[in-house]
Protein backbone atom coordinates (compact mmCIF):
# COMPACT_ATOMS: atom_id res chain seq x y z
CA MET A 1 -45.59 -2.83 -64.31
CA TYR A 2 -46.97 -6.23 -63.81
CA ILE A 3 -44.59 -8.58 -62.28
CA LEU A 4 -45.03 -11.84 -64.95
CA GLN A 5 -45.33 -15.03 -62.89
CA LYS A 6 -46.15 -18.60 -63.60
CA ASN A 7 -49.91 -19.60 -62.88
CA LEU A 8 -51.87 -22.81 -63.52
CA PHE A 9 -54.08 -21.71 -66.68
CA SER A 10 -54.55 -18.48 -68.76
CA PHE A 11 -57.75 -16.98 -69.21
CA GLU A 12 -56.41 -15.89 -72.64
CA GLN A 13 -55.93 -19.34 -73.35
CA PHE A 14 -59.55 -19.92 -72.77
CA LEU A 15 -60.44 -16.92 -75.03
CA GLU A 16 -58.89 -18.21 -77.86
CA MET A 17 -60.64 -21.43 -78.23
CA GLU A 18 -63.47 -21.57 -80.83
CA PRO A 19 -66.96 -20.07 -79.83
CA GLU A 20 -68.66 -23.50 -80.44
CA ASN A 21 -65.72 -25.00 -77.83
CA LYS A 22 -65.65 -21.95 -75.45
CA LEU A 23 -69.36 -22.15 -74.62
CA THR A 24 -69.63 -25.54 -74.82
CA GLY A 25 -66.42 -25.90 -72.75
CA LEU A 26 -68.02 -23.57 -70.18
CA PHE A 27 -71.23 -24.98 -70.00
CA LYS A 28 -70.07 -28.36 -69.22
CA VAL A 29 -68.32 -27.91 -65.81
CA LEU A 30 -71.11 -25.74 -64.56
CA GLU A 31 -74.17 -27.88 -63.44
CA LEU A 32 -77.00 -25.35 -62.77
CA GLU A 33 -79.62 -27.89 -62.21
CA PRO A 34 -79.67 -27.38 -58.48
CA TYR A 35 -79.72 -23.32 -58.98
CA ALA A 36 -82.26 -23.40 -61.79
CA LYS A 37 -84.78 -25.53 -59.52
CA MET A 38 -84.38 -22.36 -57.14
CA LEU A 39 -85.77 -19.94 -59.79
CA ARG A 40 -89.01 -22.22 -60.43
CA THR A 41 -92.09 -21.55 -59.58
CA PRO A 42 -93.83 -24.03 -57.15
CA SER A 43 -97.25 -23.48 -58.52
CA PRO A 44 -98.62 -25.67 -60.86
CA GLN A 45 -101.07 -23.15 -62.99
CA GLY A 46 -100.30 -20.74 -65.17
CA ALA A 47 -98.28 -21.00 -68.86
CA LYS A 48 -95.09 -22.86 -69.09
CA GLY A 49 -92.05 -21.08 -68.20
CA TYR A 50 -88.80 -20.58 -69.76
CA ASN A 51 -86.13 -23.21 -69.32
CA ARG A 52 -84.46 -21.82 -66.16
CA ILE A 53 -80.86 -23.48 -66.96
CA ALA A 54 -81.02 -21.97 -70.12
CA ILE A 55 -81.62 -18.54 -68.80
CA LEU A 56 -78.52 -18.98 -66.50
CA ARG A 57 -76.40 -20.11 -69.45
CA ALA A 58 -77.44 -16.73 -71.05
CA PHE A 59 -76.71 -14.95 -68.03
CA ILE A 60 -73.16 -16.15 -67.89
CA ALA A 61 -72.51 -16.42 -71.71
CA ALA A 62 -73.62 -12.68 -71.88
CA PRO A 63 -70.22 -11.10 -70.43
CA LEU A 64 -68.02 -13.55 -72.10
CA GLU A 65 -69.71 -12.43 -75.78
CA GLY A 66 -69.54 -8.56 -74.69
CA ILE A 67 -72.99 -8.39 -73.98
CA ASP A 68 -73.74 -6.03 -70.92
CA ASN A 69 -77.73 -5.51 -70.81
CA PHE A 70 -80.86 -7.47 -71.34
CA SER A 71 -81.91 -6.00 -74.40
CA ALA A 72 -78.85 -6.89 -76.14
CA LEU A 73 -78.92 -10.39 -74.83
CA ASN A 74 -82.70 -10.65 -76.20
CA SER A 75 -81.42 -9.34 -79.53
CA ARG A 76 -78.43 -11.72 -79.48
CA LEU A 77 -80.42 -14.98 -78.96
CA ARG A 78 -83.07 -13.93 -81.54
CA SER A 79 -80.27 -12.97 -84.08
CA ASP A 80 -78.11 -15.82 -83.48
CA ILE A 81 -79.47 -19.48 -83.41
CA ARG A 82 -76.16 -21.07 -82.49
CA PHE A 83 -75.77 -19.09 -79.51
CA LYS A 84 -79.22 -19.76 -78.80
CA TYR A 85 -78.67 -23.18 -79.10
CA TYR A 86 -75.40 -23.33 -76.94
CA CYS A 87 -77.32 -21.63 -73.84
CA GLY A 88 -79.92 -24.71 -74.15
CA PHE A 89 -82.69 -23.15 -75.95
CA LYS A 90 -85.06 -24.79 -78.05
CA LEU A 91 -84.97 -23.43 -81.71
CA THR A 92 -88.56 -23.82 -82.16
CA GLU A 93 -89.10 -21.63 -78.94
CA SER A 94 -89.43 -18.26 -78.40
CA VAL A 95 -86.55 -15.95 -76.67
CA PRO A 96 -87.27 -14.57 -73.55
CA SER A 97 -88.34 -11.31 -73.48
CA VAL A 98 -86.52 -8.49 -71.86
CA SER A 99 -88.81 -8.07 -68.89
CA VAL A 100 -88.44 -12.17 -68.25
CA PHE A 101 -84.69 -11.76 -68.04
CA SER A 102 -85.30 -8.82 -65.35
CA ARG A 103 -87.76 -10.27 -63.45
CA VAL A 104 -85.17 -13.87 -63.39
CA PHE A 105 -82.35 -11.93 -62.39
CA LYS A 106 -84.37 -9.99 -59.58
CA GLN A 107 -84.88 -13.49 -58.41
CA ILE A 108 -81.19 -14.61 -58.60
CA VAL A 109 -80.48 -11.52 -56.22
CA GLU A 110 -82.86 -12.19 -53.74
CA LYS A 111 -81.88 -15.54 -53.37
CA ASP A 112 -77.91 -14.95 -53.75
CA LEU A 113 -77.88 -17.20 -56.24
CA ALA A 114 -74.89 -15.72 -58.01
CA GLU A 115 -72.81 -15.77 -54.97
CA LYS A 116 -73.62 -19.22 -54.06
CA LEU A 117 -72.48 -20.55 -57.61
CA PHE A 118 -69.22 -18.64 -57.17
CA TYR A 119 -68.03 -20.10 -53.99
CA ASP A 120 -69.56 -23.56 -54.99
CA LEU A 121 -67.20 -23.02 -58.25
CA VAL A 122 -64.03 -21.93 -55.92
CA GLU A 123 -64.81 -25.14 -53.98
CA LYS A 124 -64.49 -27.28 -57.49
CA CYS A 125 -61.41 -25.61 -58.40
CA SER A 126 -59.84 -26.12 -55.40
CA LYS A 127 -60.56 -29.95 -55.26
CA GLU A 128 -59.41 -30.00 -58.71
CA GLY A 129 -56.37 -28.41 -57.85
CA LEU A 130 -56.58 -25.14 -59.45
CA ILE A 131 -56.87 -22.81 -56.32
CA ASP A 132 -54.10 -23.07 -53.59
CA GLY A 133 -55.31 -20.99 -51.07
CA SER A 134 -52.27 -20.42 -48.99
CA THR A 135 -51.59 -17.14 -50.40
CA ILE A 136 -54.20 -14.45 -51.19
CA ALA A 137 -53.93 -11.02 -52.77
CA ILE A 138 -56.29 -8.41 -52.17
CA ASP A 139 -57.32 -5.33 -53.95
CA SER A 140 -59.90 -3.03 -55.40
CA THR A 141 -61.23 -1.59 -58.48
CA ALA A 142 -63.47 1.38 -59.28
CA ILE A 143 -67.13 0.30 -60.77
CA ASP A 144 -69.02 3.25 -62.63
CA ALA A 145 -72.59 3.25 -61.76
CA TYR A 146 -75.68 3.28 -63.78
CA GLU A 147 -77.39 5.20 -61.89
CA LYS A 148 -77.68 9.01 -62.21
CA LYS A 149 -75.22 11.17 -60.49
CA GLN A 150 -76.22 12.93 -57.67
CA PRO A 151 -74.41 15.55 -55.52
CA LYS A 152 -71.64 14.36 -52.95
CA LYS A 153 -73.80 15.71 -49.96
CA ASN A 154 -76.97 13.54 -51.09
CA CYS A 155 -75.55 10.17 -51.42
CA LYS A 156 -72.81 10.40 -48.58
CA ASN A 157 -74.31 7.65 -46.27
CA SER A 158 -75.64 5.53 -49.15
CA GLU A 159 -75.26 1.78 -49.64
CA ASN A 160 -75.31 2.29 -53.41
CA ALA A 161 -73.79 4.43 -55.59
CA THR A 162 -71.28 7.11 -54.26
CA TRP A 163 -68.60 9.11 -55.15
CA GLY A 164 -64.97 7.88 -54.74
CA ALA A 165 -61.34 8.72 -54.90
CA LYS A 166 -57.90 7.04 -55.07
CA PHE A 167 -54.59 7.48 -56.55
CA ASP A 168 -53.13 6.07 -59.65
CA SER A 169 -49.42 4.76 -60.02
CA PHE A 170 -48.64 8.19 -60.95
CA LYS A 171 -49.98 9.23 -57.86
CA ASN A 172 -53.06 11.30 -60.23
CA LYS A 173 -56.02 11.45 -58.06
CA LEU A 174 -58.96 9.60 -60.04
CA THR A 175 -62.95 10.71 -58.52
CA TRP A 176 -65.90 8.17 -60.07
CA PHE A 177 -69.31 7.81 -58.94
CA GLY A 178 -70.15 4.02 -58.52
CA TYR A 179 -69.26 1.13 -56.55
CA LYS A 180 -65.69 -0.74 -55.70
CA LEU A 181 -65.45 -4.41 -56.47
CA HIS A 182 -62.95 -5.75 -53.46
CA LEU A 183 -61.37 -9.31 -54.53
CA ALA A 184 -59.18 -11.92 -52.87
CA VAL A 185 -57.57 -13.52 -55.55
CA ASP A 186 -55.35 -16.93 -55.30
CA ALA A 187 -51.91 -15.47 -55.82
CA LYS A 188 -50.67 -18.98 -57.63
CA SER A 189 -53.66 -19.10 -60.23
CA GLU A 190 -54.83 -15.73 -60.31
CA LEU A 191 -58.69 -17.16 -59.77
CA PRO A 192 -60.82 -15.26 -57.35
CA VAL A 193 -61.66 -16.79 -54.11
CA ALA A 194 -63.66 -13.94 -52.65
CA LEU A 195 -65.31 -10.86 -53.41
CA GLU A 196 -67.46 -8.11 -52.02
CA VAL A 197 -69.21 -4.88 -53.27
CA THR A 198 -69.36 -1.58 -51.53
CA SER A 199 -69.75 1.88 -52.07
CA ALA A 200 -67.39 3.63 -54.10
CA HIS A 201 -66.92 5.94 -50.78
CA VAL A 202 -65.69 2.65 -48.40
CA ASN A 203 -62.30 2.76 -47.37
CA ASP A 204 -59.90 -0.31 -48.85
CA GLY A 205 -58.46 -1.30 -45.01
CA ASP A 206 -61.91 -1.63 -43.79
CA VAL A 207 -63.14 -4.23 -46.36
CA PHE A 208 -59.70 -6.44 -45.43
CA ILE A 209 -60.96 -8.20 -42.81
CA PRO A 210 -64.21 -9.18 -44.07
CA LEU A 211 -62.21 -10.84 -47.40
CA VAL A 212 -59.74 -12.81 -45.30
CA LYS A 213 -62.60 -13.87 -43.28
CA ASN A 214 -64.48 -15.32 -46.09
CA VAL A 215 -61.26 -16.99 -47.24
CA LEU A 216 -60.68 -18.70 -43.54
CA ASN A 217 -64.62 -19.96 -43.84
CA GLN A 218 -63.57 -21.74 -46.85
CA LYS A 219 -62.44 -25.11 -45.22
CA TYR A 220 -61.78 -26.72 -48.45
CA LEU A 221 -59.02 -24.27 -49.11
CA ASN A 222 -55.35 -24.89 -47.83
CA LYS A 223 -54.38 -23.23 -44.99
CA LEU A 224 -54.01 -19.21 -45.22
CA ASN A 225 -50.27 -18.50 -44.63
CA TYR A 226 -49.90 -15.00 -46.35
CA VAL A 227 -52.05 -12.19 -47.37
CA LEU A 228 -50.78 -9.74 -49.81
CA ALA A 229 -51.86 -6.02 -49.94
CA ASP A 230 -50.84 -2.61 -50.47
CA ALA A 231 -50.21 0.21 -48.24
CA GLY A 232 -54.25 1.30 -48.47
CA TYR A 233 -54.47 -1.32 -45.98
CA ASP A 234 -51.91 -0.74 -43.64
CA ARG A 235 -54.03 -0.71 -40.39
CA LYS A 236 -52.43 -2.45 -37.27
CA LYS A 237 -56.36 -3.96 -37.05
CA ASN A 238 -55.55 -6.02 -40.67
CA TYR A 239 -52.12 -7.06 -39.02
CA GLU A 240 -53.60 -8.42 -35.74
CA TYR A 241 -56.59 -10.27 -37.62
CA CYS A 242 -54.16 -12.19 -39.89
CA LEU A 243 -51.75 -12.97 -36.88
CA GLU A 244 -54.63 -14.34 -34.81
CA ALA A 245 -55.34 -16.81 -37.87
CA ASN A 246 -51.65 -17.78 -38.24
CA ALA A 247 -51.44 -16.10 -41.13
CA GLN A 248 -48.71 -13.17 -41.92
CA ALA A 249 -50.08 -9.63 -43.75
CA ILE A 250 -47.68 -8.64 -46.46
CA ILE A 251 -48.57 -5.14 -46.80
CA PRO A 252 -45.51 -2.08 -46.99
CA LEU A 253 -46.13 0.88 -44.34
CA ASN A 254 -47.99 3.50 -45.36
CA PRO A 255 -45.92 6.94 -45.15
CA ARG A 256 -49.24 8.63 -43.98
CA ASN A 257 -49.92 6.34 -41.07
CA GLU A 258 -46.20 6.40 -40.00
CA LYS A 259 -44.56 8.14 -36.74
CA GLU A 260 -41.44 7.98 -35.13
CA PRO A 261 -40.37 4.41 -34.63
CA PRO A 262 -39.81 3.02 -31.45
CA ALA A 263 -36.24 3.87 -29.76
CA GLY A 264 -33.98 1.43 -31.18
CA PHE A 265 -35.24 0.15 -34.22
CA ALA A 266 -35.60 1.43 -37.94
CA SER A 267 -38.76 2.63 -39.37
CA SER A 268 -38.85 -1.26 -40.86
CA GLY A 269 -38.62 -3.06 -37.40
CA THR A 270 -34.82 -3.77 -37.86
CA PRO A 271 -33.39 -3.26 -34.65
CA LYS A 272 -30.12 -1.12 -34.42
CA CYS A 273 -26.87 -1.66 -32.25
CA SER A 274 -25.80 0.03 -29.28
CA MET A 275 -23.82 1.77 -31.88
CA GLY A 276 -26.80 2.97 -33.90
CA TYR A 277 -26.41 0.62 -36.81
CA GLU A 278 -28.94 -1.30 -38.63
CA MET A 279 -28.30 -5.16 -37.26
CA VAL A 280 -28.61 -8.05 -40.10
CA TYR A 281 -31.75 -10.19 -40.57
CA TRP A 282 -30.60 -13.91 -40.09
CA GLY A 283 -34.28 -16.05 -40.35
CA HIS A 284 -37.05 -16.46 -37.89
CA ASP A 285 -38.45 -19.47 -35.92
CA LYS A 286 -42.36 -19.81 -35.20
CA LYS A 287 -42.72 -16.44 -33.11
CA HIS A 288 -39.31 -14.28 -33.19
CA LEU A 289 -37.16 -12.52 -35.78
CA LYS A 290 -33.55 -13.09 -35.53
CA PHE A 291 -30.71 -10.29 -36.11
CA ARG A 292 -26.99 -10.33 -36.20
CA CYS A 293 -24.15 -8.08 -35.59
CA PRO A 294 -23.80 -5.86 -38.94
CA HIS A 295 -19.79 -5.80 -37.93
CA VAL A 296 -19.19 -9.05 -37.69
CA LEU A 297 -21.33 -10.04 -41.00
CA ARG A 298 -19.12 -7.30 -42.82
CA LYS A 299 -21.98 -4.84 -43.46
CA VAL A 300 -20.28 -2.07 -41.21
CA ASP A 301 -17.30 -1.11 -40.19
CA CYS A 302 -17.75 -0.30 -36.72
CA PRO A 303 -14.67 1.38 -34.76
CA TYR A 304 -15.36 -1.19 -31.84
CA GLY A 305 -15.56 -4.20 -33.54
CA THR A 306 -17.67 -6.69 -31.71
CA GLN A 307 -16.33 -6.05 -28.05
CA TRP A 308 -18.31 -3.32 -27.81
CA CYS A 309 -21.67 -5.31 -27.80
CA SER A 310 -20.42 -8.57 -27.43
CA SER A 311 -17.58 -10.97 -25.92
CA SER A 312 -18.56 -13.85 -28.52
CA ASN A 313 -17.23 -13.96 -32.13
CA TYR A 314 -20.54 -14.69 -33.27
CA GLY A 315 -21.43 -10.82 -32.58
CA MET A 316 -24.77 -9.89 -30.51
CA VAL A 317 -27.80 -11.38 -31.49
CA ALA A 318 -31.11 -9.46 -31.03
CA LYS A 319 -34.63 -11.55 -31.12
CA VAL A 320 -37.75 -9.41 -32.02
CA LYS A 321 -41.34 -11.07 -31.01
CA VAL A 322 -43.59 -10.11 -33.74
CA SER A 323 -46.68 -10.07 -31.71
CA ASP A 324 -45.27 -7.01 -29.49
CA ASP A 325 -46.14 -4.97 -32.93
CA PRO A 326 -47.85 -7.27 -35.61
CA ARG A 327 -47.84 -3.74 -37.84
CA ARG A 328 -44.19 -3.38 -37.73
CA PHE A 329 -42.62 -6.50 -37.37
CA SER A 330 -43.04 -9.42 -40.29
CA MET A 331 -42.40 -12.82 -40.70
CA PRO A 332 -40.49 -12.60 -43.34
CA HIS A 333 -38.89 -9.23 -42.03
CA ARG A 334 -39.44 -6.42 -44.01
CA GLU A 335 -37.30 -5.67 -46.68
CA SER A 336 -35.62 -9.00 -46.82
CA LYS A 337 -35.44 -11.35 -50.04
CA GLY A 338 -38.41 -13.33 -48.85
CA TRP A 339 -40.79 -10.63 -48.02
CA ASN A 340 -40.27 -8.91 -51.66
CA GLU A 341 -40.59 -11.99 -53.22
CA LEU A 342 -43.85 -12.62 -51.94
CA TYR A 343 -45.00 -8.97 -52.21
CA LYS A 344 -44.27 -9.37 -55.95
CA GLN A 345 -47.25 -11.80 -56.13
CA ARG A 346 -49.50 -9.10 -55.02
CA THR A 347 -49.71 -8.24 -58.68
CA SER A 348 -52.37 -11.26 -59.25
CA VAL A 349 -55.02 -9.58 -58.11
CA GLU A 350 -54.37 -6.61 -60.40
CA ARG A 351 -54.26 -9.32 -63.49
CA CYS A 352 -57.68 -10.72 -62.14
CA ASN A 353 -58.83 -7.46 -61.83
CA SER A 354 -58.20 -6.42 -65.84
CA ARG A 355 -59.72 -9.57 -66.56
CA LEU A 356 -63.11 -8.79 -65.36
CA LYS A 357 -63.10 -5.02 -66.71
CA GLU A 358 -61.38 -5.45 -69.98
CA TYR A 359 -62.33 -9.10 -71.09
CA LEU A 360 -65.46 -9.20 -69.61
CA THR A 361 -68.48 -6.73 -68.48
CA VAL A 362 -68.34 -5.91 -64.72
CA ASN A 363 -67.64 -2.40 -65.64
CA ASP A 364 -69.89 -1.80 -67.94
CA LEU A 365 -73.14 -1.65 -65.59
CA HIS A 366 -76.83 -1.32 -67.14
CA LEU A 367 -78.43 -1.87 -63.78
CA GLY A 368 -78.77 0.27 -60.36
CA GLY A 369 -78.45 -0.70 -56.94
CA ILE A 370 -75.79 -2.64 -54.81
CA HIS A 371 -77.36 -5.70 -54.62
CA LYS A 372 -77.90 -6.00 -58.36
CA VAL A 373 -74.24 -4.75 -59.07
CA ALA A 374 -72.92 -7.70 -56.70
CA ALA A 375 -74.81 -10.11 -58.27
CA TYR A 376 -73.63 -8.86 -61.66
CA ALA A 377 -69.86 -9.22 -60.05
CA PHE A 378 -70.54 -12.38 -58.97
CA ILE A 379 -71.61 -13.88 -62.33
CA ASN A 380 -68.69 -12.11 -63.95
CA ALA A 381 -66.10 -13.82 -61.38
CA ILE A 382 -68.22 -17.04 -61.90
CA ILE A 383 -66.77 -16.71 -65.94
CA LEU A 384 -62.96 -16.74 -64.50
CA LEU A 385 -63.68 -19.93 -62.39
CA ALA A 386 -65.17 -21.85 -64.77
CA SER A 387 -63.27 -21.05 -67.32
CA ALA A 388 -60.30 -22.19 -65.49
CA LEU A 389 -62.22 -25.77 -64.96
CA ALA A 390 -63.14 -25.94 -68.73
CA VAL A 391 -59.32 -25.27 -70.12
CA LYS A 392 -58.09 -28.35 -67.14
CA ASN A 393 -61.14 -30.35 -69.04
CA VAL A 394 -59.65 -29.79 -72.53
CA LYS A 395 -56.18 -30.30 -71.13
CA THR A 396 -57.28 -33.70 -69.80
CA ILE A 397 -58.64 -34.85 -72.99
CA CYS A 398 -55.92 -33.75 -75.15
CA SER A 399 -53.60 -35.83 -72.85
CA GLU A 400 -55.62 -38.97 -72.63
CA ALA A 401 -55.74 -38.88 -76.26
CA ALA A 402 -52.15 -38.81 -76.85
């Protein structure tokens, strides 16, 4: 079940725009000339090539129009004059062939062009106030491969398509042959800020640190405070990495990783008083969690009252240093209202994954190899960022006109 939360822009708003306004608005916020230059051949010899900006536009418009392969893109450009015009091709010139699209896409992959454009757009969205970056949510989603399925033993160590498995919300085990798309999403706007593509067998917990590191390297984002993820990311090294970055990982404890808690503590990290009652969380400072006597706060009826532990009317106080066990101790404290409110925002990454798969074509692959799949995933994510900028432009124009 998704937790509804207010965000800065709605992708559904963008989809409801008229096709003409949608595409022109999208291309208006994309300054593609610097990227097109990277695709042009420096040699003056030979026939004049196709407009590289128009080809880039066509690649970006394709997932938005439900076009998932080069043949369908070529066919749409030939049959739809308006679509051809919006992409920037002259109506009198011929449409690039499938082989031309394939060669240009290969250049995009080799030069990491889609990745560069994606992170440039993250920066632009941040400067425009669309991305906050102080709280991010991390999750992965399955991508089915276009390549022919192989026995598990033949592709176990491959960096390309492999067999993956995970459990759904009903505890059913799902398997697929392909890849994983790992996303870091701004919890406030539900826009992607970093992504990685791996083979399907790669464990989610191993991609946590690379994603967080990628977010931290983007200096134009606000200071990272919280990283939200599900129990699949419950690894001590992930908590420690966030702590070193002065951020807090908000991750439920995975029962499969759980051992007997330290003496005097509940599994949630709540200290117990000398009578064995769990103490009451009472806030935190920069490094410590504070807990108070449950009897004084009328949470339990201790037969010894407060005198057993403390002579003060305030009751016994315990302080816990988070760095002593970053996995078990969290700031705010696990199971507290503040912790639960933060964790609810993790659904932002689920909605982002849903948009990429249901409204766009990230899971409709017609190309193989991890580098091509990654470039294709970046192109789909670019649409989400560019559409947010387009919606903001429309709102600005409407407010100025009013």
